[in-house]
Amino acid sequence: MILPIVAYGDPVLKKVGKEIDKDYPGLETLLDNMWQTMYNSEGVGIAAPQIGKSIRLFLVDASPFADQENPETKDLVDFKRVFINPTIIEESGTEWNFEEGCLSIPDVREDVSRHPDVVLEYYDENWNKHKETFSGIAARVIQHEYDHIEGILFTDHLSGLRKRLLKGKLSNISKGKISVSYRMRFPQLK
């Protein structure tokens, strides 16, 4: 089932997610719904807070960034993962800028500076525990989605000036004064 994406301004997007356990009700259905919702909205990642659930869960499919000809991105061809109760162990390397967007903040794209490498501990959908290092675009997408379960939006990484310049646009998003091609839930829709 395709779920509505929670828009900027909803308090759930600013909450730190709670850990879940193997007995979380309807987890398999939730994961299926999140994949469908992400693909329907043409995203490369989605976190549970973006569908209104304040839990530590996100999905990533970075394959749209893959380029068989580019050695830096060809490993993204089959990069599709579920991250349950993830913890960032380490972020390293010289931060680099890359233009990011967010399903909860449509039509806003800004450069965000992030580390190129991240070490993450997490459980997959089968509750197998992993400790893995991710680099490049995969690391960036993971850090972006991880921020969501920490109550952080990519706009929180912007300078005060950039935030002020976007204030009107962000206000319109929270009021539903925007045209999007996917279902959304707007916190201030009148």
C-alpha atoms as a PDB file:
ATOM      1  CA  MET A   1       0.000   0.000   0.000  1.00  0.00           C
ATOM      2  CA  ILE A   2       1.285   3.449  -0.896  1.00  0.00           C
ATOM      3  CA  LEU A   3       1.317   5.643   2.195  1.00  0.00           C
ATOM      4  CA  PRO A   4       1.255   9.443   2.359  1.00  0.00           C
ATOM      5  CA  ILE A   5       4.608  11.136   2.955  1.00  0.00           C
ATOM      6  CA  VAL A   6       4.637  13.433   5.985  1.00  0.00           C
ATOM      7  CA  ALA A   7       5.450  17.001   4.936  1.00  0.00           C
ATOM      8  CA  TYR A   8       7.865  19.483   6.463  1.00  0.00           C
ATOM      9  CA  GLY A   9       6.519  21.014   9.661  1.00  0.00           C
ATOM     10  CA  ASP A  10       5.001  17.830  11.104  1.00  0.00           C
ATOM     11  CA  PRO A  11       6.361  17.256  14.643  1.00  0.00           C
ATOM     12  CA  VAL A  12       7.076  13.548  13.921  1.00  0.00           C
ATOM     13  CA  LEU A  13       9.945  14.655  11.650  1.00  0.00           C
ATOM     14  CA  LYS A  14      11.699  16.314  14.611  1.00  0.00           C
ATOM     15  CA  LYS A  15      11.438  13.382  17.049  1.00  0.00           C
ATOM     16  CA  VAL A  16      14.195  10.870  17.778  1.00  0.00           C
ATOM     17  CA  GLY A  17      12.899   7.447  16.746  1.00  0.00           C
ATOM     18  CA  LYS A  18      12.467   4.597  19.218  1.00  0.00           C
ATOM     19  CA  GLU A  19      14.148   1.218  18.737  1.00  0.00           C
ATOM     20  CA  ILE A  20      11.926  -1.686  17.751  1.00  0.00           C
ATOM     21  CA  ASP A  21      12.197  -5.432  18.345  1.00  0.00           C
ATOM     22  CA  LYS A  22      11.489  -8.568  16.316  1.00  0.00           C
ATOM     23  CA  ASP A  23       7.894  -8.552  17.532  1.00  0.00           C
ATOM     24  CA  TYR A  24       7.087  -5.098  16.181  1.00  0.00           C
ATOM     25  CA  PRO A  25       3.497  -5.495  14.920  1.00  0.00           C
ATOM     26  CA  GLY A  26       3.136  -5.750  11.138  1.00  0.00           C
ATOM     27  CA  LEU A  27       6.822  -5.147  10.398  1.00  0.00           C
ATOM     28  CA  GLU A  28       6.848  -7.133   7.154  1.00  0.00           C
ATOM     29  CA  THR A  29       3.782  -5.271   5.851  1.00  0.00           C
ATOM     30  CA  LEU A  30       5.279  -1.957   6.978  1.00  0.00           C
ATOM     31  CA  LEU A  31       8.484  -2.682   5.038  1.00  0.00           C
ATOM     32  CA  ASP A  32       6.501  -3.622   1.914  1.00  0.00           C
ATOM     33  CA  ASN A  33       4.456  -0.423   2.216  1.00  0.00           C
ATOM     34  CA  MET A  34       7.578   1.681   2.695  1.00  0.00           C
ATOM     35  CA  TRP A  35       9.225   0.205  -0.433  1.00  0.00           C
ATOM     36  CA  GLN A  36       6.058   0.865  -2.457  1.00  0.00           C
ATOM     37  CA  THR A  37       5.779   4.403  -1.085  1.00  0.00           C
ATOM     38  CA  MET A  38       9.447   5.179  -1.796  1.00  0.00           C
ATOM     39  CA  TYR A  39       9.312   3.875  -5.372  1.00  0.00           C
ATOM     40  CA  ASN A  40       5.983   5.615  -6.056  1.00  0.00           C
ATOM     41  CA  SER A  41       7.522   8.940  -5.018  1.00  0.00           C
ATOM     42  CA  GLU A  42      10.759   8.237  -6.923  1.00  0.00           C
ATOM     43  CA  GLY A  43      12.917   8.377  -3.811  1.00  0.00           C
ATOM     44  CA  VAL A  44      16.193   6.588  -3.108  1.00  0.00           C
ATOM     45  CA  GLY A  45      15.500   6.302   0.603  1.00  0.00           C
ATOM     46  CA  ILE A  46      12.675   6.622   3.090  1.00  0.00           C
ATOM     47  CA  ALA A  47      12.643   6.671   6.878  1.00  0.00           C
ATOM     48  CA  ALA A  48       9.777   5.633   9.136  1.00  0.00           C
ATOM     49  CA  PRO A  49       9.216   9.199  10.446  1.00  0.00           C
ATOM     50  CA  GLN A  50       8.401  10.218   6.857  1.00  0.00           C
ATOM     51  CA  ILE A  51       5.321   8.001   7.008  1.00  0.00           C
ATOM     52  CA  GLY A  52       4.436   9.147  10.521  1.00  0.00           C
ATOM     53  CA  LYS A  53       6.165   6.453  12.599  1.00  0.00           C
ATOM     54  CA  SER A  54       8.749   7.598  15.134  1.00  0.00           C
ATOM     55  CA  ILE A  55      10.841   4.405  15.024  1.00  0.00           C
ATOM     56  CA  ARG A  56      14.459   3.623  14.061  1.00  0.00           C
ATOM     57  CA  LEU A  57      13.887   2.185  10.605  1.00  0.00           C
ATOM     58  CA  PHE A  58      14.799   3.268   7.092  1.00  0.00           C
ATOM     59  CA  LEU A  59      15.206   1.794   3.615  1.00  0.00           C
ATOM     60  CA  VAL A  60      17.656   2.670   0.859  1.00  0.00           C
ATOM     61  CA  ASP A  61      17.819   1.818  -2.828  1.00  0.00           C
ATOM     62  CA  ALA A  62      20.746   3.790  -4.253  1.00  0.00           C
ATOM     63  CA  SER A  63      20.645   2.050  -7.654  1.00  0.00           C
ATOM     64  CA  PRO A  64      19.414   5.207  -9.480  1.00  0.00           C
ATOM     65  CA  PHE A  65      22.883   6.678  -8.768  1.00  0.00           C
ATOM     66  CA  ALA A  66      24.649   3.687 -10.346  1.00  0.00           C
ATOM     67  CA  ASP A  67      26.677   4.100 -13.501  1.00  0.00           C
ATOM     68  CA  GLN A  68      28.334   0.984 -14.900  1.00  0.00           C
ATOM     69  CA  GLU A  69      31.000   3.159 -16.546  1.00  0.00           C
ATOM     70  CA  ASN A  70      31.925   4.979 -13.335  1.00  0.00           C
ATOM     71  CA  PRO A  71      34.023   2.872 -10.911  1.00  0.00           C
ATOM     72  CA  GLU A  72      32.883   5.085  -8.010  1.00  0.00           C
ATOM     73  CA  THR A  73      29.181   4.268  -8.492  1.00  0.00           C
ATOM     74  CA  LYS A  74      28.950   0.923 -10.273  1.00  0.00           C
ATOM     75  CA  ASP A  75      28.692  -0.871  -6.896  1.00  0.00           C
ATOM     76  CA  LEU A  76      25.344   0.887  -6.366  1.00  0.00           C
ATOM     77  CA  VAL A  77      23.624  -1.200  -9.078  1.00  0.00           C
ATOM     78  CA  ASP A  78      22.167  -3.611  -6.507  1.00  0.00           C
ATOM     79  CA  PHE A  79      22.418  -1.424  -3.407  1.00  0.00           C
ATOM     80  CA  LYS A  80      19.056  -2.053  -1.733  1.00  0.00           C
ATOM     81  CA  ARG A  81      18.964  -2.338   2.066  1.00  0.00           C
ATOM     82  CA  VAL A  82      16.748  -2.264   5.139  1.00  0.00           C
ATOM     83  CA  PHE A  83      18.250  -0.646   8.248  1.00  0.00           C
ATOM     84  CA  ILE A  84      16.610  -1.449  11.596  1.00  0.00           C
ATOM     85  CA  ASN A  85      17.860   0.166  14.833  1.00  0.00           C
ATOM     86  CA  PRO A  86      20.991   1.530  13.131  1.00  0.00           C
ATOM     87  CA  THR A  87      23.779   3.245  15.022  1.00  0.00           C
ATOM     88  CA  ILE A  88      26.519   5.283  13.399  1.00  0.00           C
ATOM     89  CA  ILE A  89      29.815   4.094  14.881  1.00  0.00           C
ATOM     90  CA  GLU A  90      32.079   6.452  12.949  1.00  0.00           C
ATOM     91  CA  GLU A  91      32.002   9.084  10.225  1.00  0.00           C
ATOM     92  CA  SER A  92      35.320   9.856   8.569  1.00  0.00           C
ATOM     93  CA  GLY A  93      37.050  11.557   5.664  1.00  0.00           C
ATOM     94  CA  THR A  94      36.972  15.115   4.398  1.00  0.00           C
ATOM     95  CA  GLU A  95      33.398  16.362   4.182  1.00  0.00           C
ATOM     96  CA  TRP A  96      32.094  17.078   0.679  1.00  0.00           C
ATOM     97  CA  ASN A  97      29.081  18.912  -0.686  1.00  0.00           C
ATOM     98  CA  PHE A  98      26.355  17.257  -2.709  1.00  0.00           C
ATOM     99  CA  GLU A  99      22.912  18.508  -3.630  1.00  0.00           C
ATOM    100  CA  GLU A 100      20.271  16.752  -1.532  1.00  0.00           C
ATOM    101  CA  GLY A 101      16.510  16.700  -1.603  1.00  0.00           C
ATOM    102  CA  CYS A 102      13.874  15.037   0.546  1.00  0.00           C
ATOM    103  CA  LEU A 103      10.463  13.492  -0.081  1.00  0.00           C
ATOM    104  CA  SER A 104       9.125  15.423   2.939  1.00  0.00           C
ATOM    105  CA  ILE A 105      10.450  18.709   1.514  1.00  0.00           C
ATOM    106  CA  PRO A 106       9.501  18.593  -2.190  1.00  0.00           C
ATOM    107  CA  ASP A 107      11.067  21.004  -4.682  1.00  0.00           C
ATOM    108  CA  VAL A 108      13.836  22.053  -2.288  1.00  0.00           C
ATOM    109  CA  ARG A 109      17.364  20.966  -3.183  1.00  0.00           C
ATOM    110  CA  GLU A 110      20.438  22.275  -1.418  1.00  0.00           C
ATOM    111  CA  ASP A 111      24.117  21.414  -1.039  1.00  0.00           C
ATOM    112  CA  VAL A 112      24.805  19.544   2.199  1.00  0.00           C
ATOM    113  CA  SER A 113      28.276  18.733   3.513  1.00  0.00           C
ATOM    114  CA  ARG A 114      28.742  15.164   4.770  1.00  0.00           C
ATOM    115  CA  HIS A 115      31.571  12.717   5.470  1.00  0.00           C
ATOM    116  CA  PRO A 116      32.405  10.329   2.605  1.00  0.00           C
ATOM    117  CA  ASP A 117      32.664   7.262   4.863  1.00  0.00           C
ATOM    118  CA  VAL A 118      30.386   5.932   7.580  1.00  0.00           C
ATOM    119  CA  VAL A 119      30.543   2.815   9.765  1.00  0.00           C
ATOM    120  CA  LEU A 120      27.116   1.569  10.763  1.00  0.00           C
ATOM    121  CA  GLU A 121      25.762  -1.180  12.993  1.00  0.00           C
ATOM    122  CA  TYR A 122      22.234  -2.272  12.135  1.00  0.00           C
ATOM    123  CA  TYR A 123      19.819  -5.159  11.753  1.00  0.00           C
ATOM    124  CA  ASP A 124      18.423  -6.168   8.379  1.00  0.00           C
ATOM    125  CA  GLU A 125      14.831  -7.280   7.714  1.00  0.00           C
ATOM    126  CA  ASN A 126      15.732 -10.829   8.853  1.00  0.00           C
ATOM    127  CA  TRP A 127      17.177  -9.509  12.129  1.00  0.00           C
ATOM    128  CA  ASN A 128      20.737 -10.351  11.148  1.00  0.00           C
ATOM    129  CA  LYS A 129      23.167  -7.912  12.780  1.00  0.00           C
ATOM    130  CA  HIS A 130      25.692  -6.128  10.566  1.00  0.00           C
ATOM    131  CA  LYS A 131      28.623  -3.789  11.084  1.00  0.00           C
ATOM    132  CA  GLU A 132      29.529  -2.294   7.747  1.00  0.00           C
ATOM    133  CA  THR A 133      31.456   0.577   6.212  1.00  0.00           C
ATOM    134  CA  PHE A 134      29.758   2.555   3.452  1.00  0.00           C
ATOM    135  CA  SER A 135      31.388   5.129   1.191  1.00  0.00           C
ATOM    136  CA  GLY A 136      30.500   7.808  -1.328  1.00  0.00           C
ATOM    137  CA  ILE A 137      26.893   8.155  -2.466  1.00  0.00           C
ATOM    138  CA  ALA A 138      25.753   5.135  -0.421  1.00  0.00           C
ATOM    139  CA  ALA A 139      27.193   6.730   2.736  1.00  0.00           C
ATOM    140  CA  ARG A 140      25.503  10.025   1.911  1.00  0.00           C
ATOM    141  CA  VAL A 141      22.057   8.478   1.389  1.00  0.00           C
ATOM    142  CA  ILE A 142      22.456   6.476   4.605  1.00  0.00           C
ATOM    143  CA  GLN A 143      23.494   9.589   6.577  1.00  0.00           C
ATOM    144  CA  HIS A 144      20.505  11.506   5.180  1.00  0.00           C
ATOM    145  CA  GLU A 145      18.054   8.744   6.193  1.00  0.00           C
ATOM    146  CA  TYR A 146      19.815   8.244   9.542  1.00  0.00           C
ATOM    147  CA  ASP A 147      19.279  11.939  10.265  1.00  0.00           C
ATOM    148  CA  HIS A 148      15.525  11.346   9.885  1.00  0.00           C
ATOM    149  CA  ILE A 149      15.461   8.822  12.734  1.00  0.00           C
ATOM    150  CA  GLU A 150      17.423  11.330  14.830  1.00  0.00           C
ATOM    151  CA  GLY A 151      14.829  14.067  14.186  1.00  0.00           C
ATOM    152  CA  ILE A 152      17.133  15.973  11.814  1.00  0.00           C
ATOM    153  CA  LEU A 153      16.210  17.243   8.347  1.00  0.00           C
ATOM    154  CA  PHE A 154      18.720  18.092   5.634  1.00  0.00           C
ATOM    155  CA  THR A 155      17.643  21.731   5.928  1.00  0.00           C
ATOM    156  CA  ASP A 156      18.990  21.688   9.503  1.00  0.00           C
ATOM    157  CA  HIS A 157      22.492  21.432   7.996  1.00  0.00           C
ATOM    158  CA  LEU A 158      22.088  24.685   6.050  1.00  0.00           C
ATOM    159  CA  SER A 159      23.448  28.091   7.038  1.00  0.00           C
ATOM    160  CA  GLY A 160      21.188  30.551   8.819  1.00  0.00           C
ATOM    161  CA  LEU A 161      21.005  32.656   5.647  1.00  0.00           C
ATOM    162  CA  ARG A 162      19.943  29.696   3.458  1.00  0.00           C
ATOM    163  CA  LYS A 163      17.275  28.756   6.026  1.00  0.00           C
ATOM    164  CA  ARG A 164      15.902  32.313   6.032  1.00  0.00           C
ATOM    165  CA  LEU A 165      15.814  32.353   2.235  1.00  0.00           C
ATOM    166  CA  LEU A 166      13.843  29.075   2.229  1.00  0.00           C
ATOM    167  CA  LYS A 167      11.452  30.046   5.041  1.00  0.00           C
ATOM    168  CA  GLY A 168       8.541  31.014   2.770  1.00  0.00           C
ATOM    169  CA  LYS A 169       8.892  27.924   0.605  1.00  0.00           C
ATOM    170  CA  LEU A 170       9.053  25.649   3.670  1.00  0.00           C
ATOM    171  CA  SER A 171       5.985  27.345   5.148  1.00  0.00           C
ATOM    172  CA  ASN A 172       4.076  26.742   1.901  1.00  0.00           C
ATOM    173  CA  ILE A 173       5.073  23.058   1.956  1.00  0.00           C
ATOM    174  CA  SER A 174       3.723  22.598   5.495  1.00  0.00           C
ATOM    175  CA  LYS A 175       0.460  24.289   4.408  1.00  0.00           C
ATOM    176  CA  GLY A 176       0.090  22.061   1.351  1.00  0.00           C
ATOM    177  CA  LYS A 177       0.627  24.964  -1.065  1.00  0.00           C
ATOM    178  CA  ILE A 178       2.708  22.844  -3.410  1.00  0.00           C
ATOM    179  CA  SER A 179       2.092  20.482  -6.272  1.00  0.00           C
ATOM    180  CA  VAL A 180       3.538  16.985  -5.872  1.00  0.00           C
ATOM    181  CA  SER A 181       3.128  13.776  -7.847  1.00  0.00           C
ATOM    182  CA  TYR A 182       2.762  11.576  -4.746  1.00  0.00           C
ATOM    183  CA  ARG A 183       0.491  11.436  -1.700  1.00  0.00           C
ATOM    184  CA  MET A 184       1.441  13.725   1.161  1.00  0.00           C
ATOM    185  CA  ARG A 185       0.126  14.630   4.600  1.00  0.00           C
ATOM    186  CA  PHE A 186       0.473  18.353   5.334  1.00  0.00           C
ATOM    187  CA  PRO A 187       0.545  19.442   8.999  1.00  0.00           C
ATOM    188  CA  GLN A 188      -0.956  22.900   8.442  1.00  0.00           C
ATOM    189  CA  LEU A 189      -3.363  22.218   5.570  1.00  0.00           C
ATOM    190  CA  LYS A 190      -6.420  24.380   6.065  1.00  0.00           C
END
